Amino acid sequence: MDLHDALTLVGALLVVALFSIFYSPVSPDDVQAPLPAVTPTPADPPRTPETHTTPATPTPAPPAPSIPDPVRITYTGNYLSYPVHILPSNMNVFGASDPDWQWRFNEVVAFAVLEESSGGLTETFSVPYPVWRVNSTLAATTTPQYALLQWVLVDATTGELLEGGELRHGGSMTKTVQVSCTAMYFIVHTRSADGISLSLETLADYLSP
């Protein structure tokens, strides 16, 4: 082999060596896997301190106003100064029991009462309510065929007969009165009565403070 051939062979070997260096296959182990993406962890929101509130004690409702017991009306022996002492001869002028339409759907309260078994004249009294009624009752079990109750309400100053009623053989009746702040009294006559009562009643709304 002459010099020319030897140089040619050496040059060929260098080309092969360089090609091997630049184009040698890369092993999978030599390739570094990409790092996983890192997602930043959000910071925990600031915690509000827990407050423990004691539930308020409910305020109790005020008690309903109590209704006082009815005032007792009694007979008096000192009636000589009263302007009228006897009943009128015709009790029919007062008519029968009044309609109860204005009382039927409202609470009715008794504020005074006369309870007796015989007649007489009562002590004077005054009623502050603009509308009230007399609820009269005749108990007649012994001899109902003879039982009788008659009464009139009299203005103690003028002697005017304000209202009246008559019951025979037992039962009850009501008469509405619209006289207030006036001195008054009852004249009561009974016969064969086991008991009588005159209950003075008004609407509960009038008794509210």
Protein backbone atom coordinates (compact mmCIF):
# COMPACT_ATOMS: atom_id res chain seq x y z
CA MET A 1 0.00 0.00 0.00
CA ASP A 2 1.45 3.26 -1.05
CA LEU A 3 1.23 6.53 0.88
CA HIS A 4 -1.76 7.76 -1.07
CA ASP A 5 -3.83 4.75 -0.27
CA ALA A 6 -2.86 4.92 3.42
CA LEU A 7 -4.00 8.54 3.73
CA THR A 8 -7.25 7.73 2.04
CA LEU A 9 -7.89 4.89 4.51
CA VAL A 10 -7.12 7.11 7.53
CA GLY A 11 -9.47 9.82 6.26
CA ALA A 12 -12.26 7.32 5.84
CA LEU A 13 -11.82 6.03 9.38
CA LEU A 14 -11.97 9.59 10.80
CA VAL A 15 -15.23 10.29 8.95
CA VAL A 16 -16.74 7.08 10.36
CA ALA A 17 -15.57 7.96 13.85
CA LEU A 18 -17.02 11.45 13.72
CA PHE A 19 -20.35 10.17 12.42
CA SER A 20 -20.50 7.68 15.25
CA ILE A 21 -19.89 10.43 17.77
CA PHE A 22 -22.60 12.82 16.51
CA TYR A 23 -25.25 10.30 15.46
CA SER A 24 -24.95 7.56 18.06
CA PRO A 25 -28.46 6.51 19.40
CA VAL A 26 -29.42 7.88 22.79
CA SER A 27 -30.44 5.36 25.45
CA PRO A 28 -33.81 5.96 27.12
CA ASP A 29 -31.97 5.90 30.40
CA ASP A 30 -29.93 8.85 29.28
CA VAL A 31 -33.04 11.03 28.69
CA GLN A 32 -34.24 12.79 31.86
CA ALA A 33 -38.02 12.65 32.28
CA PRO A 34 -39.67 16.06 32.51
CA LEU A 35 -40.48 17.17 36.03
CA PRO A 36 -44.19 17.07 36.91
CA ALA A 37 -45.91 20.44 36.92
CA VAL A 38 -46.16 21.88 40.41
CA THR A 39 -49.52 23.46 41.32
CA PRO A 40 -49.18 25.90 44.17
CA THR A 41 -51.26 24.90 47.19
CA PRO A 42 -53.56 27.81 48.16
CA ALA A 43 -53.09 29.10 51.64
CA ASP A 44 -55.88 28.28 54.11
CA PRO A 45 -58.24 31.23 54.58
CA PRO A 46 -57.95 32.91 57.94
CA ARG A 47 -60.25 31.30 60.48
CA THR A 48 -62.77 33.50 62.22
CA PRO A 49 -62.72 32.86 65.92
CA GLU A 50 -65.85 31.03 67.02
CA THR A 51 -68.07 33.01 69.33
CA HIS A 52 -70.52 31.28 71.61
CA THR A 53 -73.59 33.47 72.14
CA THR A 54 -75.81 32.61 75.04
CA PRO A 55 -79.43 32.64 73.81
CA ALA A 56 -81.38 35.49 75.30
CA THR A 57 -83.96 34.49 77.86
CA PRO A 58 -87.39 35.24 76.39
CA THR A 59 -89.26 37.93 78.23
CA PRO A 60 -92.44 36.44 79.65
CA ALA A 61 -95.65 37.95 78.41
CA PRO A 62 -97.33 40.18 80.98
CA PRO A 63 -100.20 38.41 82.72
CA ALA A 64 -103.67 39.26 81.57
CA PRO A 65 -105.29 41.79 83.85
CA SER A 66 -107.43 40.05 86.43
CA ILE A 67 -111.11 40.85 86.54
CA PRO A 68 -112.23 41.83 90.04
CA ASP A 69 -115.10 40.07 91.73
CA PRO A 70 -118.48 41.78 91.37
CA VAL A 71 -119.29 44.42 93.97
CA ARG A 72 -122.13 43.41 96.26
CA ILE A 73 -125.20 45.66 96.17
CA THR A 74 -127.33 45.47 99.31
CA TYR A 75 -130.61 46.84 100.56
CA THR A 76 -130.65 49.91 102.75
CA GLY A 77 -132.96 50.96 105.57
CA ASN A 78 -132.22 54.63 105.04
CA TYR A 79 -134.32 55.34 101.97
CA LEU A 80 -136.68 58.07 103.23
CA SER A 81 -134.66 60.69 101.40
CA TYR A 82 -135.03 58.84 98.07
CA PRO A 83 -137.33 60.60 95.60
CA VAL A 84 -139.32 57.42 94.71
CA HIS A 85 -140.22 54.59 97.12
CA ILE A 86 -142.73 52.41 95.27
CA LEU A 87 -143.03 50.72 91.88
CA PRO A 88 -145.17 52.19 89.10
CA SER A 89 -148.60 50.61 88.72
CA ASN A 90 -147.96 49.59 85.10
CA MET A 91 -144.77 47.63 84.63
CA ASN A 92 -145.65 46.80 81.02
CA VAL A 93 -144.19 50.13 79.90
CA PHE A 94 -140.70 48.63 80.22
CA GLY A 95 -141.40 45.83 77.78
CA ALA A 96 -139.71 42.45 77.45
CA SER A 97 -136.05 41.51 77.45
CA ASP A 98 -133.84 43.59 75.16
CA PRO A 99 -132.13 41.96 72.15
CA ASP A 100 -128.64 40.70 72.95
CA TRP A 101 -127.06 41.24 69.51
CA GLN A 102 -124.47 43.69 70.86
CA TRP A 103 -123.51 41.29 73.66
CA ARG A 104 -123.60 37.96 71.89
CA PHE A 105 -120.17 38.04 70.26
CA ASN A 106 -118.28 39.89 73.00
CA GLU A 107 -116.96 38.96 76.41
CA VAL A 108 -119.39 40.08 79.10
CA VAL A 109 -118.27 40.70 82.68
CA ALA A 110 -120.38 41.17 85.80
CA PHE A 111 -119.10 44.10 87.88
CA ALA A 112 -121.86 44.32 90.54
CA VAL A 113 -124.64 42.06 91.76
CA LEU A 114 -127.68 42.07 94.06
CA GLU A 115 -128.65 38.63 95.39
CA GLU A 116 -131.69 38.40 97.66
CA SER A 117 -134.86 36.41 98.32
CA SER A 118 -137.13 39.36 99.07
CA GLY A 119 -137.69 42.93 97.91
CA GLY A 120 -136.43 46.31 99.11
CA LEU A 121 -134.62 49.47 98.09
CA THR A 122 -130.89 49.32 97.51
CA GLU A 123 -128.15 51.67 98.51
CA THR A 124 -127.22 54.17 95.82
CA PHE A 125 -124.45 53.37 93.35
CA SER A 126 -122.90 54.80 90.19
CA VAL A 127 -121.73 53.02 87.02
CA PRO A 128 -118.73 54.43 85.09
CA TYR A 129 -119.36 52.48 81.86
CA PRO A 130 -121.27 54.10 78.98
CA VAL A 131 -123.15 50.90 78.13
CA TRP A 132 -124.10 48.16 80.57
CA ARG A 133 -127.05 45.91 81.30
CA VAL A 134 -129.13 44.51 84.12
CA ASN A 135 -129.38 40.73 83.92
CA SER A 136 -132.25 39.80 86.25
CA THR A 137 -133.02 36.22 87.31
CA LEU A 138 -135.96 34.76 89.23
CA ALA A 139 -135.52 31.35 90.86
CA ALA A 140 -138.92 29.71 91.36
CA THR A 141 -138.98 26.02 92.19
CA THR A 142 -141.26 25.86 95.23
CA THR A 143 -144.35 27.62 93.86
CA PRO A 144 -143.49 28.77 90.32
CA GLN A 145 -147.12 29.57 89.54
CA TYR A 146 -147.02 32.44 92.06
CA ALA A 147 -143.39 33.57 91.65
CA LEU A 148 -142.88 37.20 90.68
CA LEU A 149 -139.97 39.65 90.37
CA GLN A 150 -140.41 43.34 89.58
CA TRP A 151 -137.68 45.96 89.63
CA VAL A 152 -137.01 49.52 88.49
CA LEU A 153 -133.80 51.53 88.24
CA VAL A 154 -134.24 55.07 89.57
CA ASP A 155 -132.16 58.25 89.21
CA ALA A 156 -131.39 59.10 92.84
CA THR A 157 -131.38 62.85 92.16
CA THR A 158 -134.40 63.40 89.92
CA GLY A 159 -136.54 60.34 90.62
CA GLU A 160 -136.67 59.49 86.89
CA LEU A 161 -137.36 55.82 86.17
CA LEU A 162 -134.44 54.79 83.98
CA GLU A 163 -135.29 51.13 83.31
CA GLY A 164 -137.32 48.26 84.70
CA GLY A 165 -138.36 44.66 84.25
CA GLU A 166 -140.84 42.02 85.33
CA LEU A 167 -140.50 38.24 85.52
CA ARG A 168 -143.19 35.71 86.36
CA HIS A 169 -142.86 31.97 87.10
CA GLY A 170 -139.07 32.05 86.92
CA GLY A 171 -136.49 32.70 84.23
CA SER A 172 -134.29 35.64 83.33
CA MET A 173 -134.24 38.78 81.23
CA THR A 174 -131.73 41.50 80.30
CA LYS A 175 -132.22 45.25 79.92
CA THR A 176 -129.59 47.51 78.38
CA VAL A 177 -128.81 50.80 80.16
CA GLN A 178 -126.88 53.78 78.74
CA VAL A 179 -126.65 55.95 81.84
CA SER A 180 -123.27 56.46 83.52
CA CYS A 181 -121.69 58.49 86.31
CA THR A 182 -125.11 59.06 87.91
CA ALA A 183 -126.31 58.12 91.40
CA MET A 184 -128.94 55.38 91.04
CA TYR A 185 -130.77 52.76 93.09
CA PHE A 186 -133.11 49.78 92.59
CA ILE A 187 -136.63 49.30 93.87
CA VAL A 188 -137.28 45.53 94.00
CA HIS A 189 -140.53 43.66 94.66
CA THR A 190 -140.78 39.87 94.94
CA ARG A 191 -143.43 37.27 95.61
CA SER A 192 -142.98 33.55 96.25
CA ALA A 193 -139.39 33.74 95.03
CA ASP A 194 -136.78 31.19 96.05
CA GLY A 195 -134.11 33.73 95.12
CA ILE A 196 -133.52 36.68 92.85
CA SER A 197 -130.43 38.34 91.40
CA LEU A 198 -129.78 41.56 89.54
CA SER A 199 -126.39 41.27 87.86
CA LEU A 200 -124.86 44.44 86.44
CA GLU A 201 -122.76 43.52 83.41
CA THR A 202 -120.67 45.29 80.79
CA LEU A 203 -118.28 44.46 77.96
CA ALA A 204 -114.81 43.32 79.02
CA ASP A 205 -113.27 46.00 76.77
CA TYR A 206 -114.62 48.69 79.09
CA LEU A 207 -112.74 47.16 82.02
CA SER A 208 -109.35 47.26 80.24
CA PRO A 209 -106.93 49.83 81.69
